[in-house]
């Protein structure tokens, strides 16, 4: 089966068929071109290429789509409308060209995220519209529908965060359309306020149980958990960490790579996703982290060959989803309530603040580009800490 909203499906004769809306200056809903392929990936790639060509050269797009392979055919019996001097393509064509323009400028993981948002959310609702008809009213109706029924899995409501990401990509596509002189102004839309819900943190008792369980098991994975709790390192970063990243003399570790599983946007492997080892999340994430001396001494006793990964103890890295599964089982063995691996990072930041660490220093250790990110997302002082701080105030009894 094709993905919902992509207009790609498997025919009874075994071939895959991709349907593309055609026509200029308006993309009509009843005029289509049909592209055939031997696999879903080939049909999807052919459709993307067709849409990009349709945006830049509408008269040549149909011929090029058919000429790429002898087994591909275009079966529409509807003649395309006359092409004016200044074509106005449909939204799907502009979105495809914008996405192609981003491929060399952003990380592969970001490109995959953009592709998912476009394919699963934007194209099914806006893809057939003339780019000039994607106005403020259409955007308001679209975002309202996505907020209430936008979840692909079960048509449930989307979170404000996901809705904000969708709106951001939509605005970038429309700004691109303006830069190409396809529209005069970027339509305005209502702002989306993302509610910041404090993330949970492990209590001191839970941290103690985690540390005891890690030392008891004495496995590479347990040591990775222990290291994350004392450095605030991200899940993908700890999966990519090797023993050669430790500087034993200076007591630091270098974070310069991360492991992630992303959507296969090339469609060549036959798999939906693949694992990549790339650069960290941002420029600031490429950093050197100091490690407490006692923790460093513990790890030095168990250090393996330089090319081995900390989390596996061999030359094969662990991927994040395996890490999540194993961490859930680890917490169960430790008798600790289930939380995500990322909770270790939240807990580390909170403990550092409660113990008086300078916020700027903490922000750099966590790899944030701005101190405000550290304060807004990761620092959640406990009630005991709050009481200790207010008790330091001078009152009428101590003045």
Protein backbone atom coordinates (compact mmCIF):
# COMPACT_ATOMS: atom_id res chain seq x y z
CA UNK A 1 0.00 0.00 0.00
CA UNK A 2 1.14 3.54 -0.68
CA UNK A 3 1.44 6.11 2.06
CA UNK A 4 -1.77 7.98 2.85
CA UNK A 5 -2.08 11.18 0.77
CA UNK A 6 0.76 10.41 -1.67
CA UNK A 7 -1.44 9.19 -4.53
CA UNK A 8 0.79 6.13 -5.01
CA UNK A 9 -0.66 2.62 -5.03
CA UNK A 10 0.03 -0.88 -6.30
CA UNK A 11 -2.03 -1.98 -9.29
CA UNK A 12 -3.53 -5.39 -9.86
CA UNK A 13 -0.90 -6.10 -12.56
CA UNK A 14 1.89 -5.78 -9.97
CA UNK A 15 3.14 -2.37 -11.02
CA UNK A 16 3.11 0.78 -8.88
CA UNK A 17 1.21 3.84 -10.09
CA UNK A 18 1.90 7.44 -9.03
CA UNK A 19 -0.76 10.03 -9.84
CA UNK A 20 0.31 13.66 -10.35
CA UNK A 21 -1.95 16.70 -10.74
CA UNK A 22 -1.06 18.71 -13.88
CA UNK A 23 -2.15 21.89 -15.65
CA UNK A 24 -1.17 25.55 -15.62
CA UNK A 25 -1.87 28.20 -14.58
CA UNK A 26 -4.25 26.34 -12.21
CA UNK A 27 -3.71 22.82 -10.94
CA UNK A 28 -7.09 21.25 -11.62
CA UNK A 29 -8.34 18.37 -9.53
CA UNK A 30 -9.52 16.33 -12.53
CA UNK A 31 -6.41 16.50 -14.74
CA UNK A 32 -3.70 13.97 -13.93
CA UNK A 33 -0.61 12.28 -15.31
CA UNK A 34 0.08 8.69 -14.26
CA UNK A 35 3.60 7.35 -13.76
CA UNK A 36 4.33 3.62 -13.59
CA UNK A 37 7.21 1.88 -11.80
CA UNK A 38 8.22 -1.57 -10.57
CA UNK A 39 8.44 -0.53 -6.88
CA UNK A 40 6.97 2.01 -4.48
CA UNK A 41 10.36 3.71 -4.04
CA UNK A 42 10.83 4.14 -7.80
CA UNK A 43 7.33 5.52 -8.27
CA UNK A 44 7.79 7.99 -5.43
CA UNK A 45 11.18 9.16 -6.75
CA UNK A 46 9.69 9.56 -10.23
CA UNK A 47 6.83 11.61 -8.86
CA UNK A 48 9.17 13.93 -6.95
CA UNK A 49 11.32 14.50 -10.03
CA UNK A 50 8.20 15.22 -12.08
CA UNK A 51 6.92 17.79 -9.57
CA UNK A 52 10.26 19.61 -9.42
CA UNK A 53 10.40 19.77 -13.22
CA UNK A 54 6.78 20.89 -13.37
CA UNK A 55 7.66 23.91 -11.24
CA UNK A 56 10.63 25.00 -13.35
CA UNK A 57 9.70 23.77 -16.84
CA UNK A 58 6.06 22.71 -17.15
CA UNK A 59 6.22 21.93 -20.90
CA UNK A 60 9.22 19.61 -20.53
CA UNK A 61 8.15 17.84 -17.35
CA UNK A 62 5.84 15.32 -18.99
CA UNK A 63 8.36 14.35 -21.68
CA UNK A 64 11.21 13.97 -19.17
CA UNK A 65 9.10 11.84 -16.81
CA UNK A 66 8.37 9.41 -19.62
CA UNK A 67 11.86 9.33 -21.12
CA UNK A 68 13.75 8.16 -18.02
CA UNK A 69 12.89 4.46 -18.40
CA UNK A 70 11.28 2.34 -21.10
CA UNK A 71 8.97 0.70 -18.59
CA UNK A 72 7.51 4.01 -17.38
CA UNK A 73 4.36 5.28 -19.09
CA UNK A 74 2.14 8.34 -18.81
CA UNK A 75 -1.45 7.29 -19.39
CA UNK A 76 -3.45 10.49 -19.07
CA UNK A 77 -5.75 11.14 -21.99
CA UNK A 78 -6.18 14.77 -20.96
CA UNK A 79 -4.08 17.29 -22.91
CA UNK A 80 -2.24 19.81 -20.71
CA UNK A 81 -3.49 23.37 -20.67
CA UNK A 82 -1.53 25.96 -22.66
CA UNK A 83 1.50 27.16 -20.73
CA UNK A 84 1.56 30.93 -20.14
CA UNK A 85 4.69 33.04 -20.05
CA UNK A 86 4.64 32.90 -16.25
CA UNK A 87 3.38 29.54 -14.93
CA UNK A 88 1.80 29.22 -11.50
CA UNK A 89 2.31 25.67 -10.27
CA UNK A 90 0.41 23.84 -7.57
CA UNK A 91 1.60 23.80 -3.97
CA UNK A 92 3.02 20.26 -4.26
CA UNK A 93 5.37 21.35 -7.06
CA UNK A 94 6.68 24.32 -5.08
CA UNK A 95 7.08 22.20 -1.93
CA UNK A 96 9.07 19.64 -3.92
CA UNK A 97 11.40 22.24 -5.36
CA UNK A 98 11.92 23.94 -1.97
CA UNK A 99 12.75 20.58 -0.37
CA UNK A 100 15.24 19.79 -3.15
CA UNK A 101 16.90 23.19 -2.62
CA UNK A 102 17.47 22.35 1.06
CA UNK A 103 19.16 18.98 0.58
CA UNK A 104 22.75 20.22 0.47
CA UNK A 105 22.25 22.96 3.06
CA UNK A 106 20.94 20.94 6.02
CA UNK A 107 21.70 17.72 7.88
CA UNK A 108 20.29 14.48 6.52
CA UNK A 109 18.16 14.06 9.65
CA UNK A 110 16.63 17.53 9.19
CA UNK A 111 15.93 16.81 5.53
CA UNK A 112 14.19 13.58 6.50
CA UNK A 113 12.03 15.44 9.06
CA UNK A 114 11.03 18.07 6.49
CA UNK A 115 10.17 15.33 4.01
CA UNK A 116 7.92 13.54 6.51
CA UNK A 117 6.05 16.75 7.40
CA UNK A 118 5.49 17.60 3.73
CA UNK A 119 4.44 14.09 2.69
CA UNK A 120 2.21 13.27 5.66
CA UNK A 121 0.65 16.64 6.50
CA UNK A 122 1.01 19.33 3.84
CA UNK A 123 0.53 17.52 0.52
CA UNK A 124 -2.64 15.57 1.42
CA UNK A 125 -4.50 18.81 2.26
CA UNK A 126 -2.77 21.53 0.21
CA UNK A 127 -0.93 19.69 -2.56
CA UNK A 128 -3.51 20.18 -5.34
CA UNK A 129 -4.03 23.90 -4.72
CA UNK A 130 -2.65 26.56 -7.02
CA UNK A 131 0.17 28.15 -5.01
CA UNK A 132 -1.65 31.50 -5.21
CA UNK A 133 -4.70 30.00 -3.51
CA UNK A 134 -2.80 28.99 -0.37
CA UNK A 135 -4.05 32.08 1.45
CA UNK A 136 -4.66 33.00 5.08
CA UNK A 137 -8.14 31.44 5.08
CA UNK A 138 -6.87 28.15 3.63
CA UNK A 139 -4.00 28.05 6.12
CA UNK A 140 -6.36 28.69 9.05
CA UNK A 141 -8.66 25.86 7.93
CA UNK A 142 -5.68 23.56 7.38
CA UNK A 143 -4.10 24.22 10.79
CA UNK A 144 -7.46 23.85 12.54
CA UNK A 145 -7.99 20.49 10.88
CA UNK A 146 -4.47 19.34 11.73
CA UNK A 147 -4.84 20.42 15.36
CA UNK A 148 -8.02 18.37 15.82
CA UNK A 149 -7.49 15.42 13.45
CA UNK A 150 -3.95 15.62 12.11
CA UNK A 151 -2.39 12.54 13.68
CA UNK A 152 -1.71 10.12 10.84
CA UNK A 153 -1.98 6.97 12.93
CA UNK A 154 -5.49 7.46 14.29
CA UNK A 155 -6.69 10.90 13.16
CA UNK A 156 -6.40 12.19 16.71
CA UNK A 157 -5.29 15.72 17.71
CA UNK A 158 -1.72 16.90 17.22
CA UNK A 159 0.40 18.45 19.95
CA UNK A 160 1.10 22.18 19.78
CA UNK A 161 4.78 21.40 19.21
CA UNK A 162 4.08 19.26 16.13
CA UNK A 163 1.58 21.81 14.83
CA UNK A 164 4.20 24.54 15.25
CA UNK A 165 6.72 22.48 13.24
CA UNK A 166 4.19 21.98 10.44
CA UNK A 167 3.41 25.69 10.33
CA UNK A 168 7.12 26.54 10.26
CA UNK A 169 7.75 24.32 7.22
CA UNK A 170 4.65 25.72 5.48
CA UNK A 171 5.86 29.29 6.04
CA UNK A 172 9.31 28.46 4.67
CA UNK A 173 7.78 27.00 1.51
CA UNK A 174 5.63 30.09 1.05
CA UNK A 175 8.62 32.38 1.59
CA UNK A 176 10.42 30.39 -1.09
CA UNK A 177 7.42 30.86 -3.41
CA UNK A 178 7.62 34.62 -2.82
CA UNK A 179 11.35 34.64 -3.61
CA UNK A 180 10.52 32.90 -6.92
CA UNK A 181 7.87 35.57 -7.67
CA UNK A 182 5.06 33.02 -7.60
CA UNK A 183 3.16 34.95 -4.91
CA UNK A 184 3.31 38.60 -3.91
CA UNK A 185 3.15 38.20 -0.13
CA UNK A 186 3.43 35.40 2.41
CA UNK A 187 -0.06 34.89 3.89
CA UNK A 188 -0.44 35.69 7.57
CA UNK A 189 -1.57 33.03 10.01
CA UNK A 190 -2.43 32.91 13.68
CA UNK A 191 0.50 32.26 16.04
CA UNK A 192 0.76 28.88 17.75
CA UNK A 193 1.73 28.96 21.42
CA UNK A 194 3.62 25.88 22.49
CA UNK A 195 3.02 25.09 26.15
CA UNK A 196 6.22 24.20 27.92
CA UNK A 197 5.49 21.23 30.19
CA UNK A 198 8.29 20.51 32.68
CA UNK A 199 9.97 17.19 32.03
CA UNK A 200 10.23 14.70 34.91
CA UNK A 201 13.50 14.14 36.74
CA UNK A 202 14.83 11.22 38.76
CA UNK A 203 14.80 11.66 42.53
CA UNK A 204 17.96 11.23 44.61
CA UNK A 205 16.73 7.81 45.70
CA UNK A 206 16.08 6.76 42.10
CA UNK A 207 19.51 8.02 40.99
CA UNK A 208 21.08 6.01 43.79
CA UNK A 209 19.21 2.87 42.63
CA UNK A 210 20.32 3.47 39.02
CA UNK A 211 23.95 3.86 40.04
CA UNK A 212 23.92 0.72 42.22
CA UNK A 213 22.29 -1.31 39.44
CA UNK A 214 24.87 -0.11 36.88
CA UNK A 215 27.75 -1.08 39.17
CA UNK A 216 26.11 -4.38 40.03
CA UNK A 217 25.63 -5.42 36.39
CA UNK A 218 29.04 -4.06 35.34
CA UNK A 219 28.15 -4.17 31.62
CA UNK A 220 29.05 -1.72 28.83
CA UNK A 221 25.42 -0.58 28.72
CA UNK A 222 25.31 0.00 32.47
CA UNK A 223 28.51 2.06 32.28
CA UNK A 224 26.93 4.12 29.50
CA UNK A 225 23.93 4.83 31.71
CA UNK A 226 26.23 5.81 34.55
CA UNK A 227 28.24 8.13 32.30
CA UNK A 228 25.08 9.81 30.97
CA UNK A 229 23.91 10.52 34.51
CA UNK A 230 27.18 12.33 35.29
CA UNK A 231 27.58 14.25 32.02
CA UNK A 232 24.09 15.02 30.67
CA UNK A 233 25.10 13.60 27.29
CA UNK A 234 22.30 12.97 24.78
CA UNK A 235 21.08 9.50 23.86
CA UNK A 236 22.41 9.60 20.28
CA UNK A 237 25.72 11.04 21.50
CA UNK A 238 26.32 8.31 24.08
CA UNK A 239 25.54 5.68 21.41
CA UNK A 240 28.28 7.20 19.22
CA UNK A 241 30.85 7.62 22.02
CA UNK A 242 34.06 5.60 21.68
CA UNK A 243 36.88 5.09 24.17
CA UNK A 244 39.16 7.22 22.00
CA UNK A 245 36.93 10.19 22.88
CA UNK A 246 38.20 10.10 26.48
CA UNK A 247 41.07 12.37 27.46
CA UNK A 248 42.30 10.68 30.64
CA UNK A 249 45.00 13.24 31.34
CA UNK A 250 42.68 16.26 31.24
CA UNK A 251 39.62 14.45 32.61
CA UNK A 252 37.27 15.17 29.70
CA UNK A 253 35.33 13.49 26.92
CA UNK A 254 34.85 14.91 23.40
CA UNK A 255 31.39 14.86 21.82
CA UNK A 256 31.69 15.14 18.05
CA UNK A 257 29.17 12.67 16.61
CA UNK A 258 25.73 11.22 17.15
CA UNK A 259 23.83 8.11 16.05
CA UNK A 260 20.29 8.50 14.70
CA UNK A 261 17.74 6.50 12.76
CA UNK A 262 16.09 8.57 10.04
CA UNK A 263 13.72 8.17 7.12
CA UNK A 264 15.33 6.90 3.91
CA UNK A 265 14.60 9.86 1.63
CA UNK A 266 16.52 8.43 -1.34
CA UNK A 267 14.29 5.37 -1.62
CA UNK A 268 17.16 3.18 -2.83
CA UNK A 269 17.62 0.72 0.02
CA UNK A 270 14.10 -0.66 0.06
CA UNK A 271 13.87 0.08 3.80
CA UNK A 272 11.79 2.86 5.32
CA UNK A 273 14.60 4.08 7.61
CA UNK A 274 18.35 3.72 8.07
CA UNK A 275 20.92 4.46 10.78
CA UNK A 276 23.50 7.22 10.31
CA UNK A 277 26.43 8.51 12.37
CA UNK A 278 26.60 12.24 11.85
CA UNK A 279 27.54 15.48 13.54
CA UNK A 280 25.76 16.50 16.77
CA UNK A 281 22.50 18.42 16.85
CA UNK A 282 24.03 21.94 16.56
CA UNK A 283 27.44 23.60 16.30
CA UNK A 284 27.35 24.17 20.07
CA UNK A 285 26.73 20.44 20.58
CA UNK A 286 30.24 19.70 19.32
CA UNK A 287 31.90 20.12 22.69
CA UNK A 288 34.27 18.91 25.40
CA UNK A 289 32.69 17.79 28.68
CA UNK A 290 34.51 17.60 32.03
CA UNK A 291 33.92 14.38 33.98
CA UNK A 292 34.07 14.13 37.81
CA UNK A 293 37.42 12.66 38.89
CA UNK A 294 35.90 9.73 40.80
CA UNK A 295 33.73 8.79 37.80
CA UNK A 296 36.68 9.10 35.43
CA UNK A 297 38.79 6.81 37.62
CA UNK A 298 36.00 4.22 37.62
CA UNK A 299 35.76 4.26 33.82
CA UNK A 300 39.49 4.14 33.30
CA UNK A 301 39.60 0.72 34.98
CA UNK A 302 37.17 -0.71 32.42
CA UNK A 303 38.23 1.18 29.30
CA UNK A 304 38.46 -0.92 26.15
CA UNK A 305 40.31 -0.50 22.80
CA UNK A 306 40.11 3.02 21.41
CA UNK A 307 37.83 2.10 18.48
CA UNK A 308 35.30 0.26 20.66
CA UNK A 309 32.00 1.94 21.54
CA UNK A 310 31.29 2.57 25.22
CA UNK A 311 27.69 1.32 25.09
CA UNK A 312 28.45 -1.99 23.35
CA UNK A 313 32.04 -2.80 24.31
CA UNK A 314 32.87 -3.64 20.68
CA UNK A 315 33.34 -1.94 17.30
CA UNK A 316 29.62 -1.89 16.50
CA UNK A 317 27.61 1.06 17.76
CA UNK A 318 24.22 0.83 19.45
CA UNK A 319 21.29 2.55 17.76
CA UNK A 320 18.98 4.83 19.82
CA UNK A 321 15.83 2.70 19.66
CA UNK A 322 17.76 -0.30 21.03
CA UNK A 323 19.10 1.98 23.76
CA UNK A 324 15.55 3.01 24.68
CA UNK A 325 14.35 -0.58 24.93
CA UNK A 326 17.32 -1.67 27.02
CA UNK A 327 17.01 1.37 29.29
CA UNK A 328 13.37 0.54 30.03
CA UNK A 329 14.40 -2.98 31.07
CA UNK A 330 17.33 -1.59 33.07
CA UNK A 331 15.03 0.70 35.08
CA UNK A 332 12.69 -2.22 35.78
CA UNK A 333 15.58 -4.28 37.16
CA UNK A 334 16.65 -1.31 39.27
CA UNK A 335 13.13 -0.92 40.67
CA UNK A 336 12.77 2.58 39.25
CA UNK A 337 9.63 3.99 37.61
CA UNK A 338 9.83 4.14 33.81
CA UNK A 339 11.22 7.31 32.25
CA UNK A 340 12.98 7.98 28.96
CA UNK A 341 16.76 7.97 28.61
CA UNK A 342 16.54 11.74 28.10
CA UNK A 343 15.37 12.07 31.71
CA UNK A 344 19.00 11.47 32.75
CA UNK A 345 19.90 14.67 30.90
CA UNK A 346 17.11 16.67 32.57
CA UNK A 347 18.11 15.31 35.96
CA UNK A 348 21.80 16.13 35.44
CA UNK A 349 20.99 19.76 34.56
CA UNK A 350 18.65 20.16 37.52
CA UNK A 351 21.13 18.70 40.02
CA UNK A 352 23.91 20.95 38.69
CA UNK A 353 21.78 24.07 39.22
CA UNK A 354 20.70 22.97 42.68
CA UNK A 355 24.35 22.53 43.62
CA UNK A 356 25.17 26.05 42.45
CA UNK A 357 26.81 25.49 39.06
CA UNK A 358 27.13 28.58 36.87
CA UNK A 359 24.34 28.54 34.26
CA UNK A 360 26.63 29.60 31.42
CA UNK A 361 29.03 26.75 32.21
CA UNK A 362 26.15 24.28 32.40
CA UNK A 363 24.76 25.51 29.09
CA UNK A 364 28.10 24.83 27.37
CA UNK A 365 28.39 21.37 28.95
CA UNK A 366 24.90 20.50 27.67
CA UNK A 367 25.73 21.85 24.22
CA UNK A 368 23.09 24.58 24.09
CA UNK A 369 23.50 27.60 21.84
CA UNK A 370 21.82 29.91 24.37
CA UNK A 371 21.53 29.99 28.17
CA UNK A 372 17.78 30.59 27.89
CA UNK A 373 17.34 27.08 26.43
CA UNK A 374 19.00 25.60 29.50
CA UNK A 375 16.79 27.53 31.89
CA UNK A 376 13.54 26.98 29.98
CA UNK A 377 13.84 23.31 29.12
CA UNK A 378 16.10 21.52 31.56
CA UNK A 379 16.16 23.17 34.95
CA UNK A 380 13.38 22.14 37.35
CA UNK A 381 14.42 22.72 40.97
CA UNK A 382 12.85 20.44 43.55
CA UNK A 383 10.64 21.77 46.35
CA UNK A 384 13.44 21.03 48.84
CA UNK A 385 15.77 23.21 46.81
CA UNK A 386 13.21 26.00 46.60
CA UNK A 387 12.69 25.91 50.39
CA UNK A 388 16.44 26.03 50.97
CA UNK A 389 16.75 29.08 48.73
CA UNK A 390 13.89 31.07 50.27
CA UNK A 391 15.19 30.30 53.77
CA UNK A 392 18.34 32.20 52.85
CA UNK A 393 16.29 35.42 52.62
CA UNK A 394 16.68 37.92 55.41
CA UNK A 395 13.40 38.22 57.29
CA UNK A 396 12.15 40.35 60.17
CA UNK A 397 13.59 37.73 62.55
CA UNK A 398 17.12 37.99 61.21
CA UNK A 399 17.41 41.68 60.28
